[in-house]
Each structure stands twice: as structure tokens, then as C-alpha cells.
Amino acid sequence: MVEDWKRSLHSRRIGMTNITTWPSKTFFLVGAPRCGTTSLALALAQHPQVCFSEPKEPHFFTRISEDADLVQLRTEYLGRFFRPDRLSRAALGEASVSYLYSRQAIALIDRMFPTARFLVMVRNPVEMIPSYHARLLFTLDEDVADFEAAWRLQERRAAGHAIPSRCRDPRMLQYAEVGRVGARLADLISLVGRERVKTIVMDDFAAAPTAVYRDVIAFLGLEQQERPEVVRMNATKSYRSPAIQRLLMRPPKVAQRLLAPRTVGPSRTGGVVGRLLKRLRKANVVRAHWRPISASLRQEIAASVRDDVDLLGRLLQRDLAHWLDDGVRSSGGKPAVGTTEQARGEQVVRLKDARRS
């Protein structure tokens, strides 16, 4: 097995130096977190004309300096995160939500791929922010399980205090800023132009995922798939064993090199080790119930993002005031914050060609 891995490693290195062609179309699903980006990414990755990155969130351009050599950078980017046998496809895509929060990353992408298109998914921030907190708990970036307590720590954490030891970036813990997507969208439009940006409202995606998917495909200039099947899956997750979760989410460097050689090609751990890791991940995941937030905290969050929601509404030419109404949604009087899958609006969309089913 070691010899097979070495041969694979060698072939990937050779492939990195010989990349001369790549898809003519590029797109970046840049955020926001907990707004259905995983759902849309999985759907787009299954389109036969798309070469999607592995992993789906490389976060590559947030780690690169502005004065990097573009030719060398492009070769490294393609060689590290995309399968060579798929680079002949029409479109190249990835889904790093961190890019929405980095002007430098967007500017670098724009320099390297001047015709790239950008997808932004948005959601009621009063729902998105608690869901985002739950995700940070799962990824070990957050260690305060009570959302209200974590919300109250924002000022201290901005000053460098009470940062979890495993947090990858303290800015991730500034929940109000993460929820202010309108300002980020405005920055993106100012940098690349409105015609290259498409915004998807999660409410629309949850209500009519196939229609929204087809609209995105048209925006990207790709061929429409016939009779796509939409399957809903996913939920807020937690874990059984903290020790196992630490091993899976933050493996030692030796284990990282052995199990996922990310520096030389897409991560595709296979064989016995791959099956073992897959079973371990599945066994350690448990369904988590999203606890409703108090009315007073909801009002506080709404007040902190109201101006941003107004900005987002103007950018989309859409009235989003109902997002911040206290207690009910605008449609059907359903709870704005609850524990059901429908209230969260969280779903994963997987598209399959009906001819193969």
C-alpha cells in the first residue's frame, strides 16, 4: 500500500508541472456559511461539465500574497485541488466561503480568472448565526456550547481574550460580522461587477431547489440536465467522542501527510484506511437539536444586523424586512427560529441524472 501511495504521489507531481489547459469557464461559490452552500456545491459537482475542487473548500486564495506569480500560482492551484482527468471539462469550480470575507482573495481570483463568476447564498442572519455557531462547535473552532454565552464573548474575543485553543482564526468568532452579508456582497460587486455575481436566497432554494439550480446553471453558461432528482439530507451535527473528533478534525501533521497529501493533489484517501476513516466519521456523528434562542436575544441580533439586511434588500431589490420580524416568518406564521428541519431550512441537494436511476 505504501508503494502504491508513492507511485500516486509521483504521478501527481508530474501532473502539476505539465498542466497546460484548463476549463474555459470558472466559478466560485464564495458564501455565506450555513446558507446552503454545501447543498449547491454538491449539486454543481455532479454536473458532467463541471470539474469541482477536492476538497470543496480549499481556501487557497486566502493564504496567498497579492504579489504572487500568477502563472505559477495557477499551476499550483490546479495541481493541488483538481483531478487532471476532469480538467478537460467546460467549467472549473470550488466553494470556499472564506473568500466572501476577504477582499484580497477576491482581487487575486479576479486577476487569475478575469471572467470568473461568483455565487453568493444569503439567509436570514437571525437564523444563520446560531446555525453557524453550531457548526463551529462541530469543527472545534468554538468551545462555548451555549450560543448566547458565545455571542456575549464577541467583544472580549475581538481584544484577543477567551479564544479557543483549536480555533483556526479568531475572526470566525465574530458572529455579528459573519452575519453581515450585505456589506460583503456590496464589496464583491464593487470589485468584480454586478454582471458576474449571482445571489441566491436560501428561502428560495429551500422552497424550489430544482428551479434555483437550473437558474444557476443558466448563469454559469452550462448545459441544463434533464429531469434532475433532488434529494434532501443533512442536519445540524454534533459528535459522540471529543477525542475522536479532535483526531478527525485536527489530525497530527504526520497523520495529515499519510492520510491526505493535500499539497500534491486532491485528497482521495482510499483502501483500508479510507474505509476506516469513513466509518469512524459516521459512527462519531450524532444528530443535534438546534435550541431556539430567546426572544430578547433574537431582538438583539436583529438590531445588530438591521442596517445590513436593509442594504442586502436594496442590492437584491427585494423586501427582506420580514426576516427581522419578531416571532414569525412572513409566510404561514411559522416560527422564525425552531428545531425542525423545515424551520432551519437546511438541506443538501444532490442531483442525479434520471436516466441513471
Protein backbone atom coordinates (compact mmCIF):
# COMPACT_ATOMS: atom_id res chain seq x y z
CA MET A 1 0.00 0.00 0.00
CA VAL A 2 2.91 2.36 0.77
CA GLU A 3 4.45 1.73 -2.66
CA ASP A 4 1.11 2.42 -4.36
CA TRP A 5 0.85 5.70 -2.45
CA LYS A 6 4.39 6.70 -3.51
CA ARG A 7 3.62 5.97 -7.16
CA SER A 8 0.44 8.04 -6.93
CA LEU A 9 2.36 10.86 -5.27
CA HIS A 10 4.98 10.82 -8.04
CA SER A 11 2.39 10.88 -10.81
CA ARG A 12 0.60 13.83 -9.20
CA ARG A 13 3.85 15.81 -9.02
CA ILE A 14 4.45 15.16 -12.70
CA GLY A 15 0.89 16.24 -13.44
CA MET A 16 1.38 19.52 -11.58
CA THR A 17 4.24 20.59 -13.83
CA ASN A 18 2.51 19.67 -17.10
CA ILE A 19 -0.84 21.43 -16.78
CA THR A 20 -1.29 23.44 -19.99
CA THR A 21 -5.07 23.56 -20.38
CA TRP A 22 -7.96 24.09 -18.02
CA PRO A 23 -11.71 24.73 -18.35
CA SER A 24 -12.68 27.94 -20.13
CA LYS A 25 -15.29 28.81 -17.51
CA THR A 26 -14.61 29.29 -13.80
CA PHE A 27 -16.94 29.93 -10.90
CA PHE A 28 -16.58 30.38 -7.16
CA LEU A 29 -19.31 29.70 -4.61
CA VAL A 30 -17.99 32.14 -2.03
CA GLY A 31 -20.52 32.03 0.82
CA ALA A 32 -22.07 32.77 3.12
CA PRO A 33 -21.68 29.96 5.69
CA ARG A 34 -24.74 27.94 6.71
CA CYS A 35 -26.73 29.32 3.81
CA GLY A 36 -26.99 26.15 1.72
CA THR A 37 -23.55 26.38 0.08
CA THR A 38 -22.80 22.70 0.71
CA SER A 39 -26.10 21.77 -0.91
CA LEU A 40 -25.45 23.79 -4.02
CA ALA A 41 -21.79 22.71 -4.19
CA LEU A 42 -22.77 19.02 -4.15
CA ALA A 43 -25.31 19.67 -6.87
CA LEU A 44 -22.86 21.54 -9.09
CA ALA A 45 -20.10 18.98 -8.52
CA GLN A 46 -22.31 16.31 -10.09
CA HIS A 47 -22.84 18.26 -13.30
CA PRO A 48 -20.99 16.43 -16.12
CA GLN A 49 -19.46 19.67 -17.41
CA VAL A 50 -18.01 20.74 -14.05
CA CYS A 51 -14.57 19.95 -12.62
CA PHE A 52 -15.09 20.66 -8.92
CA SER A 53 -12.30 21.03 -6.38
CA GLU A 54 -11.32 18.34 -3.88
CA PRO A 55 -11.91 19.25 -1.12
CA LYS A 56 -14.80 21.53 -1.98
CA GLU A 57 -13.38 24.34 0.23
CA PRO A 58 -9.63 24.71 -0.46
CA HIS A 59 -9.47 28.27 0.99
CA PHE A 60 -6.43 28.60 -1.27
CA PHE A 61 -6.68 32.31 -2.12
CA THR A 62 -6.94 33.42 1.50
CA ARG A 63 -3.39 32.12 2.08
CA ILE A 64 -1.65 33.74 -0.90
CA SER A 65 0.14 37.10 -1.04
CA GLU A 66 -1.05 39.72 -3.52
CA ASP A 67 2.26 39.84 -5.40
CA ALA A 68 2.37 36.09 -6.15
CA ASP A 69 3.33 34.97 -9.66
CA LEU A 70 0.02 34.20 -11.41
CA VAL A 71 1.32 31.57 -13.83
CA GLN A 72 3.00 29.56 -11.09
CA LEU A 73 0.04 30.10 -8.79
CA ARG A 74 -2.45 28.85 -11.36
CA THR A 75 -0.43 25.69 -11.94
CA GLU A 76 -0.16 25.04 -8.22
CA TYR A 77 -3.87 25.68 -7.69
CA LEU A 78 -4.98 23.35 -10.46
CA GLY A 79 -2.49 20.64 -9.50
CA ARG A 80 -3.36 20.64 -5.81
CA PHE A 81 -7.16 20.69 -5.88
CA PHE A 82 -8.46 19.37 -9.20
CA ARG A 83 -8.35 15.94 -10.77
CA PRO A 84 -6.29 16.00 -14.01
CA ASP A 85 -8.71 13.69 -15.78
CA ARG A 86 -11.50 16.27 -15.32
CA LEU A 87 -9.66 19.41 -16.41
CA SER A 88 -10.98 18.94 -19.94
CA ARG A 89 -14.48 19.74 -18.74
CA ALA A 90 -16.14 23.06 -19.53
CA ALA A 91 -16.12 24.66 -16.07
CA LEU A 92 -13.87 24.78 -13.03
CA GLY A 93 -15.49 25.44 -9.65
CA GLU A 94 -14.97 25.48 -5.91
CA ALA A 95 -16.83 26.61 -2.77
CA SER A 96 -14.66 28.34 -0.16
CA VAL A 97 -16.97 30.52 1.94
CA SER A 98 -13.97 32.37 3.40
CA TYR A 99 -13.49 34.26 0.12
CA LEU A 100 -16.58 36.39 0.71
CA TYR A 101 -14.86 37.87 3.77
CA SER A 102 -11.54 38.60 2.06
CA ARG A 103 -11.16 41.45 -0.45
CA GLN A 104 -7.60 40.27 -1.11
CA ALA A 105 -8.79 36.77 -2.04
CA ILE A 106 -11.44 38.14 -4.42
CA ALA A 107 -8.94 40.52 -6.02
CA LEU A 108 -6.46 37.67 -6.53
CA ILE A 109 -9.12 35.43 -8.06
CA ASP A 110 -10.14 38.27 -10.36
CA ARG A 111 -6.54 38.70 -11.52
CA MET A 112 -6.08 34.99 -12.18
CA PHE A 113 -9.54 34.34 -13.67
CA PRO A 114 -10.81 37.69 -15.02
CA THR A 115 -14.03 36.18 -16.39
CA ALA A 116 -14.85 34.06 -13.31
CA ARG A 117 -18.39 34.15 -11.98
CA PHE A 118 -19.33 34.31 -8.32
CA LEU A 119 -22.22 32.70 -6.48
CA VAL A 120 -23.36 34.09 -3.13
CA MET A 121 -26.01 32.46 -0.95
CA VAL A 122 -27.75 34.52 1.71
CA ARG A 123 -30.02 33.70 4.61
CA ASN A 124 -31.88 35.42 7.41
CA PRO A 125 -28.98 36.26 9.75
CA VAL A 126 -31.11 35.64 12.83
CA GLU A 127 -31.26 32.01 11.70
CA MET A 128 -27.84 31.79 10.10
CA ILE A 129 -25.77 32.99 13.05
CA PRO A 130 -26.93 30.36 15.62
CA SER A 131 -26.57 27.65 12.95
CA TYR A 132 -23.06 28.91 12.22
CA HIS A 133 -22.23 28.69 15.93
CA ALA A 134 -23.35 25.05 15.95
CA ARG A 135 -21.08 24.35 13.01
CA LEU A 136 -18.08 25.92 14.77
CA LEU A 137 -18.73 23.66 17.75
CA PHE A 138 -18.60 20.66 15.40
CA THR A 139 -15.35 21.79 13.77
CA LEU A 140 -13.81 22.56 17.20
CA ASP A 141 -13.29 26.25 16.37
CA GLU A 142 -15.70 27.12 19.21
CA ASP A 143 -15.68 25.70 22.74
CA VAL A 144 -18.60 27.60 24.31
CA ALA A 145 -21.62 25.38 23.77
CA ASP A 146 -24.26 27.94 24.78
CA PHE A 147 -24.87 30.28 21.87
CA GLU A 148 -25.91 33.27 23.96
CA ALA A 149 -22.75 32.96 26.05
CA ALA A 150 -20.65 32.81 22.87
CA TRP A 151 -22.49 35.84 21.48
CA ARG A 152 -21.66 37.80 24.66
CA LEU A 153 -17.95 36.98 24.25
CA GLN A 154 -17.53 38.80 20.94
CA GLU A 155 -16.06 41.99 22.40
CA ARG A 156 -13.58 40.12 24.60
CA ARG A 157 -12.55 37.87 21.74
CA ALA A 158 -12.05 40.86 19.44
CA ALA A 159 -9.48 42.02 22.02
CA GLY A 160 -7.75 38.62 21.89
CA HIS A 161 -9.23 37.03 25.02
CA ALA A 162 -11.13 33.74 25.52
CA ILE A 163 -10.06 32.36 22.11
CA PRO A 164 -10.45 28.55 21.93
CA SER A 165 -7.10 26.82 21.59
CA ARG A 166 -8.20 24.98 18.42
CA CYS A 167 -9.78 27.97 16.68
CA ARG A 168 -8.21 28.41 13.23
CA ASP A 169 -8.94 32.12 13.02
CA PRO A 170 -10.35 34.31 15.84
CA ARG A 171 -12.28 36.36 13.28
CA MET A 172 -14.54 33.35 12.82
CA LEU A 173 -15.90 34.01 16.33
CA GLN A 174 -17.22 37.48 15.49
CA TYR A 175 -20.77 36.26 14.89
CA ALA A 176 -22.35 39.62 14.11
CA GLU A 177 -19.74 40.43 11.46
CA VAL A 178 -20.09 36.99 9.87
CA GLY A 179 -23.84 37.60 9.65
CA ARG A 180 -23.45 40.97 7.91
CA VAL A 181 -23.52 39.54 4.41
CA GLY A 182 -24.99 42.60 2.71
CA ALA A 183 -21.79 44.60 3.15
CA ARG A 184 -19.72 41.67 1.86
CA LEU A 185 -21.93 41.33 -1.20
CA ALA A 186 -21.61 45.06 -1.88
CA ASP A 187 -17.81 44.76 -1.71
CA LEU A 188 -17.83 41.80 -4.11
CA ILE A 189 -20.00 43.65 -6.63
CA SER A 190 -17.76 46.72 -6.44
CA LEU A 191 -14.69 44.57 -7.13
CA VAL A 192 -15.88 42.36 -10.00
CA GLY A 193 -19.08 43.94 -11.31
CA ARG A 194 -22.72 43.06 -10.79
CA GLU A 195 -22.97 41.06 -14.03
CA ARG A 196 -20.53 38.45 -12.69
CA VAL A 197 -22.34 37.90 -9.39
CA LYS A 198 -25.45 35.84 -8.74
CA THR A 199 -27.13 35.88 -5.33
CA ILE A 200 -29.33 33.02 -4.16
CA VAL A 201 -31.69 33.49 -1.22
CA MET A 202 -31.81 30.32 0.87
CA ASP A 203 -35.57 30.65 1.32
CA ASP A 204 -35.95 30.28 -2.45
CA PHE A 205 -33.54 27.37 -2.61
CA ALA A 206 -35.37 25.53 0.17
CA ALA A 207 -38.75 26.10 -1.48
CA ALA A 208 -37.78 25.24 -5.08
CA PRO A 209 -34.27 23.76 -5.24
CA THR A 210 -34.53 22.40 -8.77
CA ALA A 211 -35.73 25.71 -10.20
CA VAL A 212 -32.96 27.60 -8.40
CA TYR A 213 -30.38 25.06 -9.56
CA ARG A 214 -31.47 25.44 -13.19
CA ASP A 215 -31.23 29.22 -12.86
CA VAL A 216 -27.67 28.90 -11.53
CA ILE A 217 -26.71 26.56 -14.38
CA ALA A 218 -28.01 29.12 -16.88
CA PHE A 219 -26.00 31.88 -15.19
CA LEU A 220 -22.85 29.75 -15.45
CA GLY A 221 -23.46 29.06 -19.14
CA LEU A 222 -23.67 25.29 -18.72
CA GLU A 223 -25.99 22.77 -20.31
CA GLN A 224 -29.19 22.00 -18.44
CA GLN A 225 -29.56 18.50 -17.05
CA GLU A 226 -32.64 16.51 -17.89
CA ARG A 227 -35.06 15.76 -15.06
CA PRO A 228 -32.67 16.14 -12.13
CA GLU A 229 -33.68 14.33 -8.96
CA VAL A 230 -33.48 16.34 -5.76
CA VAL A 231 -32.74 14.51 -2.52
CA ARG A 232 -32.85 16.22 0.86
CA MET A 233 -30.34 15.19 3.51
CA ASN A 234 -28.10 16.74 6.19
CA ALA A 235 -28.87 18.33 9.56
CA THR A 236 -27.10 20.11 12.39
CA LYS A 237 -24.44 17.73 13.68
CA SER A 238 -22.57 17.02 16.87
CA TYR A 239 -20.19 14.22 17.89
CA ARG A 240 -20.04 11.38 20.40
CA SER A 241 -16.37 11.40 21.32
CA PRO A 242 -14.35 14.63 21.64
CA ALA A 243 -11.11 12.65 21.34
CA ILE A 244 -12.16 11.05 18.06
CA GLN A 245 -13.42 14.38 16.76
CA ARG A 246 -10.07 16.00 17.53
CA LEU A 247 -8.33 13.21 15.63
CA LEU A 248 -10.62 13.61 12.62
CA MET A 249 -10.78 17.41 12.52
CA ARG A 250 -7.26 18.26 13.71
CA PRO A 251 -5.06 15.22 12.97
CA PRO A 252 -1.35 15.34 13.81
CA LYS A 253 0.90 16.51 10.97
CA VAL A 254 2.28 13.01 10.39
CA ALA A 255 -1.25 11.67 10.01
CA GLN A 256 -2.16 14.53 7.67
CA ARG A 257 0.68 13.67 5.31
CA LEU A 258 -0.16 9.98 5.37
CA LEU A 259 -3.93 10.19 5.05
CA ALA A 260 -4.43 13.28 2.90
CA PRO A 261 -1.44 14.50 0.88
CA ARG A 262 -3.14 17.83 0.09
CA THR A 263 -0.01 19.60 -1.08
CA VAL A 264 0.31 17.45 -4.19
CA GLY A 265 -3.20 16.68 -5.32
CA PRO A 266 -6.86 16.22 -4.46
CA SER A 267 -7.45 14.34 -1.24
CA ARG A 268 -8.80 10.91 -2.11
CA THR A 269 -7.93 8.61 0.75
CA GLY A 270 -8.83 5.09 -0.30
CA GLY A 271 -8.27 1.48 0.56
CA VAL A 272 -8.47 0.14 4.09
CA VAL A 273 -7.51 3.46 5.71
CA GLY A 274 -10.12 5.38 3.75
CA ARG A 275 -12.89 2.94 4.63
CA LEU A 276 -11.86 3.00 8.28
CA LEU A 277 -11.91 6.81 8.43
CA LYS A 278 -15.28 6.93 6.72
CA ARG A 279 -16.76 4.50 9.22
CA LEU A 280 -15.17 6.36 12.11
CA ARG A 281 -16.61 9.69 10.98
CA LYS A 282 -20.04 8.21 10.50
CA ALA A 283 -20.01 6.47 13.87
CA ASN A 284 -18.91 9.61 15.70
CA VAL A 285 -21.59 11.90 14.23
CA VAL A 286 -24.88 12.35 16.06
CA ARG A 287 -27.92 14.44 15.21
CA ALA A 288 -28.03 17.66 17.21
CA HIS A 289 -31.16 19.59 18.11
CA TRP A 290 -30.94 23.29 17.47
CA ARG A 291 -32.19 25.06 20.58
CA PRO A 292 -34.44 28.07 19.98
CA ILE A 293 -32.95 31.37 21.04
CA SER A 294 -34.79 33.69 23.39
CA ALA A 295 -36.96 36.50 22.08
CA SER A 296 -34.70 39.10 23.68
CA LEU A 297 -31.57 37.65 22.06
CA ARG A 298 -33.36 37.44 18.73
CA GLN A 299 -34.22 41.14 19.01
CA GLU A 300 -30.61 41.94 19.89
CA ILE A 301 -29.27 40.06 16.87
CA ALA A 302 -31.87 41.67 14.62
CA ALA A 303 -30.90 45.13 15.83
CA SER A 304 -27.21 44.44 15.19
CA VAL A 305 -27.79 43.45 11.55
CA ARG A 306 -30.82 45.56 10.60
CA ASP A 307 -28.86 48.09 8.56
CA ASP A 308 -27.06 45.26 6.75
CA VAL A 309 -30.32 43.49 5.92
CA ASP A 310 -31.63 46.81 4.55
CA LEU A 311 -28.51 47.07 2.36
CA LEU A 312 -28.91 43.48 1.18
CA GLY A 313 -32.54 44.15 0.30
CA ARG A 314 -31.54 47.17 -1.80
CA LEU A 315 -28.86 45.16 -3.60
CA LEU A 316 -31.36 42.41 -4.40
CA GLN A 317 -34.23 44.85 -4.99
CA ARG A 318 -36.24 42.75 -2.57
CA ASP A 319 -38.00 43.48 0.70
CA LEU A 320 -36.32 41.40 3.43
CA ALA A 321 -37.82 43.20 6.43
CA HIS A 322 -39.81 40.11 7.38
CA TRP A 323 -36.53 38.36 8.26
CA LEU A 324 -36.24 40.55 11.33
CA ASP A 325 -39.87 40.45 12.41
CA ASP A 326 -40.16 39.18 15.96
CA GLY A 327 -41.53 35.68 16.32
CA VAL A 328 -42.93 34.70 12.92
CA ARG A 329 -41.94 34.31 9.33
CA SER A 330 -43.79 36.21 6.66
CA SER A 331 -45.23 33.00 5.21
CA GLY A 332 -47.64 30.85 7.14
CA GLY A 333 -46.78 32.21 10.59
CA LYS A 334 -44.16 29.51 11.17
CA PRO A 335 -41.61 30.03 13.93
CA ALA A 336 -38.64 32.09 12.80
CA VAL A 337 -36.28 30.08 14.94
CA GLY A 338 -37.07 26.50 15.81
CA THR A 339 -35.81 22.97 15.95
CA THR A 340 -37.36 21.39 12.87
CA GLU A 341 -35.60 20.79 9.59
CA GLN A 342 -38.16 22.96 7.83
CA ALA A 343 -37.63 25.88 10.20
CA ARG A 344 -33.88 25.69 9.76
CA GLY A 345 -34.26 25.40 6.01
CA GLU A 346 -31.14 23.22 5.99
CA GLN A 347 -30.96 20.72 3.19
CA VAL A 348 -28.44 19.12 0.94
CA VAL A 349 -29.38 18.85 -2.70
CA ARG A 350 -27.93 16.07 -4.74
CA LEU A 351 -28.74 15.88 -8.41
CA LYS A 352 -28.72 12.66 -10.37
CA ASP A 353 -29.42 12.07 -13.99
CA ALA A 354 -32.78 10.32 -14.12
CA ARG A 355 -31.50 8.12 -16.89
CA ARG A 356 -29.07 6.52 -14.43
CA SER A 357 -31.71 5.84 -11.74
